[in-house]
Amino acid sequence: MSQQPTLAACLTCGACCQSFRVEFAVYELDDMGGQVPAALTEPVNGSTCRMQGTGTVPIRCVALHGTVGQTVACSIYDRRPRPCAELEEGSYGCNKARARHGLPPLGEWHGA
């Protein structure tokens, strides 16, 4: 029987915010009619941008506050870009990020 992770795990984790490049369409920016604060992004090309801090190593999204694995928060959680919203807690990507930071996996991921 698999355990379902709870939202509380994301509030203490933040590994994804310090593991992945977060690129998305410029149409998600608030100055283009979307929700993501443009001031927290940088251009990639004419149609793509990314969250500041995710395009260089070490990766750390500018919207992440706190210490990974302890207590974290996203300053734009309700306005985060699509790649962030689509990353599911306990998924392969989530657990891959957690492993990078020495954190145990969440739940069971049954992917290909």
N, C-alpha and C. Protein backbone atom coordinates (compact mmCIF):
# COMPACT_ATOMS: atom_id res chain seq x y z
N MET A 1 0.84 -1.18 0.00
CA MET A 1 0.00 0.00 0.00
C MET A 1 0.89 1.24 0.00
N SER A 2 0.63 2.17 -0.90
CA SER A 2 1.47 3.37 -0.99
C SER A 2 0.94 4.45 -0.06
N GLN A 3 1.86 5.24 0.45
CA GLN A 3 1.49 6.36 1.29
C GLN A 3 1.31 7.58 0.41
N GLN A 4 0.32 8.38 0.71
CA GLN A 4 0.12 9.61 -0.01
C GLN A 4 0.87 10.72 0.72
N PRO A 5 1.78 11.42 0.05
CA PRO A 5 2.49 12.51 0.72
C PRO A 5 1.53 13.63 1.06
N THR A 6 1.87 14.42 2.04
CA THR A 6 1.04 15.54 2.43
C THR A 6 1.70 16.83 2.02
N LEU A 7 0.93 17.90 1.95
CA LEU A 7 1.45 19.21 1.58
C LEU A 7 2.54 19.62 2.56
N ALA A 8 2.46 19.17 3.80
CA ALA A 8 3.45 19.54 4.82
C ALA A 8 4.87 19.20 4.38
N ALA A 9 5.05 18.15 3.60
CA ALA A 9 6.38 17.77 3.13
C ALA A 9 6.99 18.89 2.28
N CYS A 10 6.21 19.53 1.44
CA CYS A 10 6.72 20.62 0.62
C CYS A 10 7.14 21.82 1.47
N LEU A 11 6.52 21.99 2.60
CA LEU A 11 6.85 23.11 3.47
C LEU A 11 8.16 22.93 4.21
N THR A 12 8.69 21.72 4.18
CA THR A 12 9.99 21.47 4.82
C THR A 12 11.05 21.06 3.81
N CYS A 13 10.68 20.90 2.56
CA CYS A 13 11.60 20.36 1.57
C CYS A 13 12.28 21.46 0.75
N GLY A 14 11.69 21.86 -0.35
CA GLY A 14 12.27 22.89 -1.22
C GLY A 14 13.35 22.38 -2.15
N ALA A 15 13.58 21.06 -2.16
CA ALA A 15 14.65 20.50 -2.99
C ALA A 15 14.45 20.81 -4.47
N CYS A 16 13.22 20.80 -4.94
CA CYS A 16 12.97 21.07 -6.36
C CYS A 16 13.40 22.49 -6.72
N CYS A 17 13.24 23.42 -5.80
CA CYS A 17 13.59 24.82 -6.04
C CYS A 17 15.10 25.04 -6.10
N GLN A 18 15.85 24.02 -5.68
CA GLN A 18 17.30 24.09 -5.72
C GLN A 18 17.88 22.98 -6.58
N SER A 19 17.07 22.48 -7.54
CA SER A 19 17.52 21.39 -8.39
C SER A 19 17.26 21.57 -9.87
N PHE A 20 16.22 22.30 -10.23
CA PHE A 20 15.79 22.33 -11.63
C PHE A 20 15.80 23.73 -12.23
N ARG A 21 16.12 23.79 -13.51
CA ARG A 21 15.97 25.02 -14.29
C ARG A 21 14.48 25.19 -14.52
N VAL A 22 13.95 26.36 -14.23
CA VAL A 22 12.51 26.60 -14.36
C VAL A 22 12.29 27.57 -15.52
N GLU A 23 12.03 27.01 -16.70
CA GLU A 23 11.77 27.80 -17.90
C GLU A 23 10.32 27.65 -18.32
N PHE A 24 9.76 28.74 -18.84
CA PHE A 24 8.35 28.75 -19.21
C PHE A 24 8.07 29.86 -20.20
N ALA A 25 6.89 29.85 -20.80
CA ALA A 25 6.51 30.83 -21.81
C ALA A 25 6.35 32.22 -21.19
N VAL A 26 6.79 33.22 -21.92
CA VAL A 26 6.69 34.60 -21.44
C VAL A 26 5.24 35.02 -21.18
N TYR A 27 4.30 34.29 -21.74
CA TYR A 27 2.88 34.62 -21.55
C TYR A 27 2.40 34.34 -20.14
N GLU A 28 3.23 33.68 -19.33
CA GLU A 28 2.89 33.47 -17.93
C GLU A 28 3.28 34.67 -17.06
N LEU A 29 4.05 35.61 -17.62
CA LEU A 29 4.50 36.78 -16.86
C LEU A 29 3.37 37.76 -16.61
N ASP A 30 3.40 38.40 -15.45
CA ASP A 30 2.34 39.34 -15.10
C ASP A 30 2.26 40.52 -16.06
N ASP A 31 3.38 40.93 -16.64
CA ASP A 31 3.33 42.04 -17.58
C ASP A 31 2.89 41.61 -18.99
N MET A 32 2.61 40.32 -19.14
CA MET A 32 2.10 39.79 -20.41
C MET A 32 0.70 39.19 -20.22
N GLY A 33 0.07 39.47 -19.08
CA GLY A 33 -1.27 38.98 -18.82
C GLY A 33 -1.34 37.75 -17.95
N GLY A 34 -0.19 37.22 -17.54
CA GLY A 34 -0.16 36.04 -16.68
C GLY A 34 -0.06 36.42 -15.22
N GLN A 35 0.51 35.53 -14.41
CA GLN A 35 0.59 35.76 -12.97
C GLN A 35 2.00 35.84 -12.40
N VAL A 36 2.98 35.25 -13.07
CA VAL A 36 4.34 35.17 -12.53
C VAL A 36 4.98 36.57 -12.55
N PRO A 37 5.50 37.03 -11.42
CA PRO A 37 6.13 38.36 -11.39
C PRO A 37 7.34 38.43 -12.32
N ALA A 38 7.24 39.27 -13.33
CA ALA A 38 8.32 39.41 -14.32
C ALA A 38 9.62 39.84 -13.66
N ALA A 39 9.55 40.59 -12.57
CA ALA A 39 10.74 41.07 -11.89
C ALA A 39 11.60 39.94 -11.32
N LEU A 40 11.04 38.75 -11.19
CA LEU A 40 11.77 37.61 -10.63
C LEU A 40 12.27 36.66 -11.71
N THR A 41 12.19 37.09 -12.96
CA THR A 41 12.58 36.22 -14.08
C THR A 41 13.68 36.86 -14.91
N GLU A 42 14.23 36.05 -15.82
CA GLU A 42 15.20 36.55 -16.78
C GLU A 42 14.87 35.95 -18.13
N PRO A 43 15.15 36.68 -19.20
CA PRO A 43 14.84 36.17 -20.54
C PRO A 43 15.76 35.02 -20.95
N VAL A 44 15.19 34.07 -21.71
CA VAL A 44 15.96 33.00 -22.32
C VAL A 44 16.05 33.28 -23.82
N ASN A 45 14.89 33.55 -24.40
CA ASN A 45 14.80 33.99 -25.80
C ASN A 45 13.51 34.79 -25.92
N GLY A 46 13.05 35.08 -27.10
CA GLY A 46 11.88 35.92 -27.27
C GLY A 46 10.58 35.35 -26.73
N SER A 47 10.50 34.03 -26.61
CA SER A 47 9.25 33.42 -26.16
C SER A 47 9.37 32.66 -24.84
N THR A 48 10.59 32.59 -24.29
CA THR A 48 10.81 31.81 -23.08
C THR A 48 11.59 32.63 -22.06
N CYS A 49 11.24 32.45 -20.79
CA CYS A 49 11.99 33.07 -19.71
C CYS A 49 12.21 32.01 -18.63
N ARG A 50 12.92 32.37 -17.59
CA ARG A 50 13.13 31.43 -16.48
C ARG A 50 13.18 32.20 -15.17
N MET A 51 12.95 31.47 -14.10
CA MET A 51 13.05 32.07 -12.78
C MET A 51 14.52 32.38 -12.52
N GLN A 52 14.79 33.57 -11.98
CA GLN A 52 16.15 33.94 -11.62
C GLN A 52 16.70 32.91 -10.64
N GLY A 53 17.96 32.59 -10.81
CA GLY A 53 18.62 31.65 -9.92
C GLY A 53 18.56 30.21 -10.38
N THR A 54 17.75 29.93 -11.40
CA THR A 54 17.64 28.54 -11.86
C THR A 54 18.43 28.27 -13.13
N GLY A 55 19.10 29.26 -13.65
CA GLY A 55 19.85 29.08 -14.88
C GLY A 55 21.34 28.91 -14.67
N THR A 56 21.78 28.97 -13.43
CA THR A 56 23.19 28.83 -13.11
C THR A 56 23.37 27.83 -11.98
N VAL A 57 24.58 27.34 -11.83
CA VAL A 57 24.88 26.40 -10.75
C VAL A 57 25.72 27.13 -9.71
N PRO A 58 25.42 27.06 -8.44
CA PRO A 58 24.37 26.23 -7.87
C PRO A 58 22.99 26.86 -8.11
N ILE A 59 22.02 25.99 -8.34
CA ILE A 59 20.65 26.41 -8.59
C ILE A 59 19.97 26.77 -7.27
N ARG A 60 19.30 27.91 -7.27
CA ARG A 60 18.43 28.28 -6.16
C ARG A 60 17.46 29.33 -6.69
N CYS A 61 16.20 28.96 -6.79
CA CYS A 61 15.18 29.88 -7.28
C CYS A 61 15.09 31.09 -6.36
N VAL A 62 14.98 32.25 -6.98
CA VAL A 62 14.90 33.51 -6.24
C VAL A 62 13.65 33.55 -5.34
N ALA A 63 12.62 32.81 -5.67
CA ALA A 63 11.38 32.83 -4.88
C ALA A 63 11.43 31.91 -3.65
N LEU A 64 12.48 31.11 -3.53
CA LEU A 64 12.61 30.19 -2.40
C LEU A 64 13.15 30.91 -1.18
N HIS A 65 12.47 30.74 -0.06
CA HIS A 65 12.92 31.29 1.21
C HIS A 65 13.06 30.15 2.21
N GLY A 66 14.10 30.18 3.00
CA GLY A 66 14.31 29.17 4.02
C GLY A 66 15.45 28.24 3.66
N THR A 67 15.54 27.15 4.43
CA THR A 67 16.61 26.18 4.28
C THR A 67 16.04 24.86 3.79
N VAL A 68 16.56 24.37 2.67
CA VAL A 68 16.10 23.11 2.08
C VAL A 68 16.22 21.99 3.11
N GLY A 69 15.16 21.20 3.22
CA GLY A 69 15.14 20.08 4.14
C GLY A 69 14.73 20.45 5.56
N GLN A 70 14.52 21.76 5.81
CA GLN A 70 14.13 22.19 7.14
C GLN A 70 12.78 22.90 7.08
N THR A 71 12.80 24.17 6.74
CA THR A 71 11.56 24.94 6.59
C THR A 71 11.73 25.86 5.40
N VAL A 72 10.83 25.77 4.44
CA VAL A 72 10.91 26.59 3.23
C VAL A 72 9.55 27.15 2.86
N ALA A 73 9.59 28.15 2.01
CA ALA A 73 8.37 28.74 1.46
C ALA A 73 8.68 29.33 0.10
N CYS A 74 7.71 29.31 -0.78
CA CYS A 74 7.81 29.96 -2.08
C CYS A 74 7.09 31.30 -1.96
N SER A 75 7.80 32.38 -2.25
CA SER A 75 7.20 33.71 -2.11
C SER A 75 6.13 33.99 -3.16
N ILE A 76 6.06 33.16 -4.20
CA ILE A 76 5.04 33.36 -5.24
C ILE A 76 4.22 32.09 -5.45
N TYR A 77 4.05 31.30 -4.42
CA TYR A 77 3.40 29.99 -4.56
C TYR A 77 2.08 30.08 -5.34
N ASP A 78 1.22 31.02 -5.02
CA ASP A 78 -0.07 31.14 -5.72
C ASP A 78 0.07 31.68 -7.13
N ARG A 79 1.26 32.17 -7.48
CA ARG A 79 1.50 32.73 -8.81
C ARG A 79 2.68 32.05 -9.50
N ARG A 80 3.07 30.87 -9.02
CA ARG A 80 4.24 30.16 -9.56
C ARG A 80 3.99 29.74 -11.01
N PRO A 81 5.07 29.56 -11.78
CA PRO A 81 4.94 29.15 -13.18
C PRO A 81 4.49 27.70 -13.32
N ARG A 82 4.03 27.38 -14.51
CA ARG A 82 3.50 26.06 -14.82
C ARG A 82 4.43 24.90 -14.45
N PRO A 83 5.74 24.96 -14.77
CA PRO A 83 6.59 23.82 -14.41
C PRO A 83 6.57 23.52 -12.91
N CYS A 84 6.48 24.55 -12.11
CA CYS A 84 6.44 24.36 -10.66
C CYS A 84 5.10 23.77 -10.24
N ALA A 85 4.03 24.30 -10.79
CA ALA A 85 2.69 23.83 -10.44
C ALA A 85 2.47 22.38 -10.88
N GLU A 86 3.13 21.97 -11.96
CA GLU A 86 2.92 20.62 -12.48
C GLU A 86 3.80 19.56 -11.81
N LEU A 87 4.81 19.96 -11.07
CA LEU A 87 5.66 18.99 -10.39
C LEU A 87 4.90 18.44 -9.18
N GLU A 88 4.61 17.17 -9.21
CA GLU A 88 3.81 16.56 -8.15
C GLU A 88 4.68 16.03 -7.03
N GLU A 89 4.23 16.30 -5.82
CA GLU A 89 4.92 15.81 -4.64
C GLU A 89 4.95 14.29 -4.66
N GLY A 90 6.12 13.71 -4.45
CA GLY A 90 6.27 12.26 -4.46
C GLY A 90 6.50 11.68 -5.84
N SER A 91 6.52 12.53 -6.88
CA SER A 91 6.74 12.06 -8.25
C SER A 91 8.22 11.74 -8.45
N TYR A 92 8.55 11.20 -9.61
CA TYR A 92 9.94 10.90 -9.94
C TYR A 92 10.80 12.16 -9.82
N GLY A 93 10.35 13.27 -10.41
CA GLY A 93 11.12 14.51 -10.36
C GLY A 93 11.31 15.03 -8.95
N CYS A 94 10.27 14.94 -8.16
CA CYS A 94 10.34 15.35 -6.75
C CYS A 94 11.38 14.53 -6.01
N ASN A 95 11.27 13.22 -6.15
CA ASN A 95 12.19 12.34 -5.42
C ASN A 95 13.62 12.44 -5.94
N LYS A 96 13.78 12.73 -7.22
CA LYS A 96 15.12 12.94 -7.78
C LYS A 96 15.76 14.18 -7.14
N ALA A 97 14.99 15.25 -7.01
CA ALA A 97 15.48 16.47 -6.37
C ALA A 97 15.80 16.21 -4.90
N ARG A 98 14.93 15.48 -4.23
CA ARG A 98 15.16 15.17 -2.81
C ARG A 98 16.45 14.37 -2.64
N ALA A 99 16.69 13.40 -3.53
CA ALA A 99 17.91 12.59 -3.45
C ALA A 99 19.15 13.45 -3.61
N ARG A 100 19.09 14.46 -4.48
CA ARG A 100 20.23 15.37 -4.69
C ARG A 100 20.61 16.09 -3.41
N HIS A 101 19.64 16.26 -2.53
CA HIS A 101 19.87 16.99 -1.28
C HIS A 101 19.93 16.07 -0.07
N GLY A 102 20.04 14.77 -0.32
CA GLY A 102 20.17 13.81 0.77
C GLY A 102 18.90 13.58 1.56
N LEU A 103 17.75 13.86 0.95
CA LEU A 103 16.46 13.67 1.63
C LEU A 103 15.82 12.37 1.17
N PRO A 104 15.09 11.69 2.03
CA PRO A 104 14.45 10.43 1.65
C PRO A 104 13.30 10.67 0.67
N PRO A 105 12.96 9.67 -0.14
CA PRO A 105 11.85 9.80 -1.09
C PRO A 105 10.51 9.91 -0.35
N LEU A 106 9.54 10.48 -1.05
CA LEU A 106 8.18 10.60 -0.52
C LEU A 106 7.28 9.60 -1.21
N GLY A 107 6.51 8.85 -0.47
CA GLY A 107 5.56 7.91 -1.06
C GLY A 107 6.22 6.96 -2.01
N GLU A 108 5.45 6.44 -2.93
CA GLU A 108 5.95 5.54 -3.96
C GLU A 108 5.64 6.14 -5.31
N TRP A 109 6.62 6.13 -6.19
CA TRP A 109 6.41 6.63 -7.53
C TRP A 109 6.38 5.43 -8.45
N HIS A 110 5.30 5.28 -9.20
CA HIS A 110 5.14 4.15 -10.11
C HIS A 110 5.18 4.64 -11.54
N GLY A 111 6.33 5.01 -12.00
CA GLY A 111 6.48 5.52 -13.36
C GLY A 111 7.24 4.56 -14.23
N ALA A 112 7.37 4.95 -15.50
CA ALA A 112 8.10 4.13 -16.45
C ALA A 112 9.59 4.34 -16.31
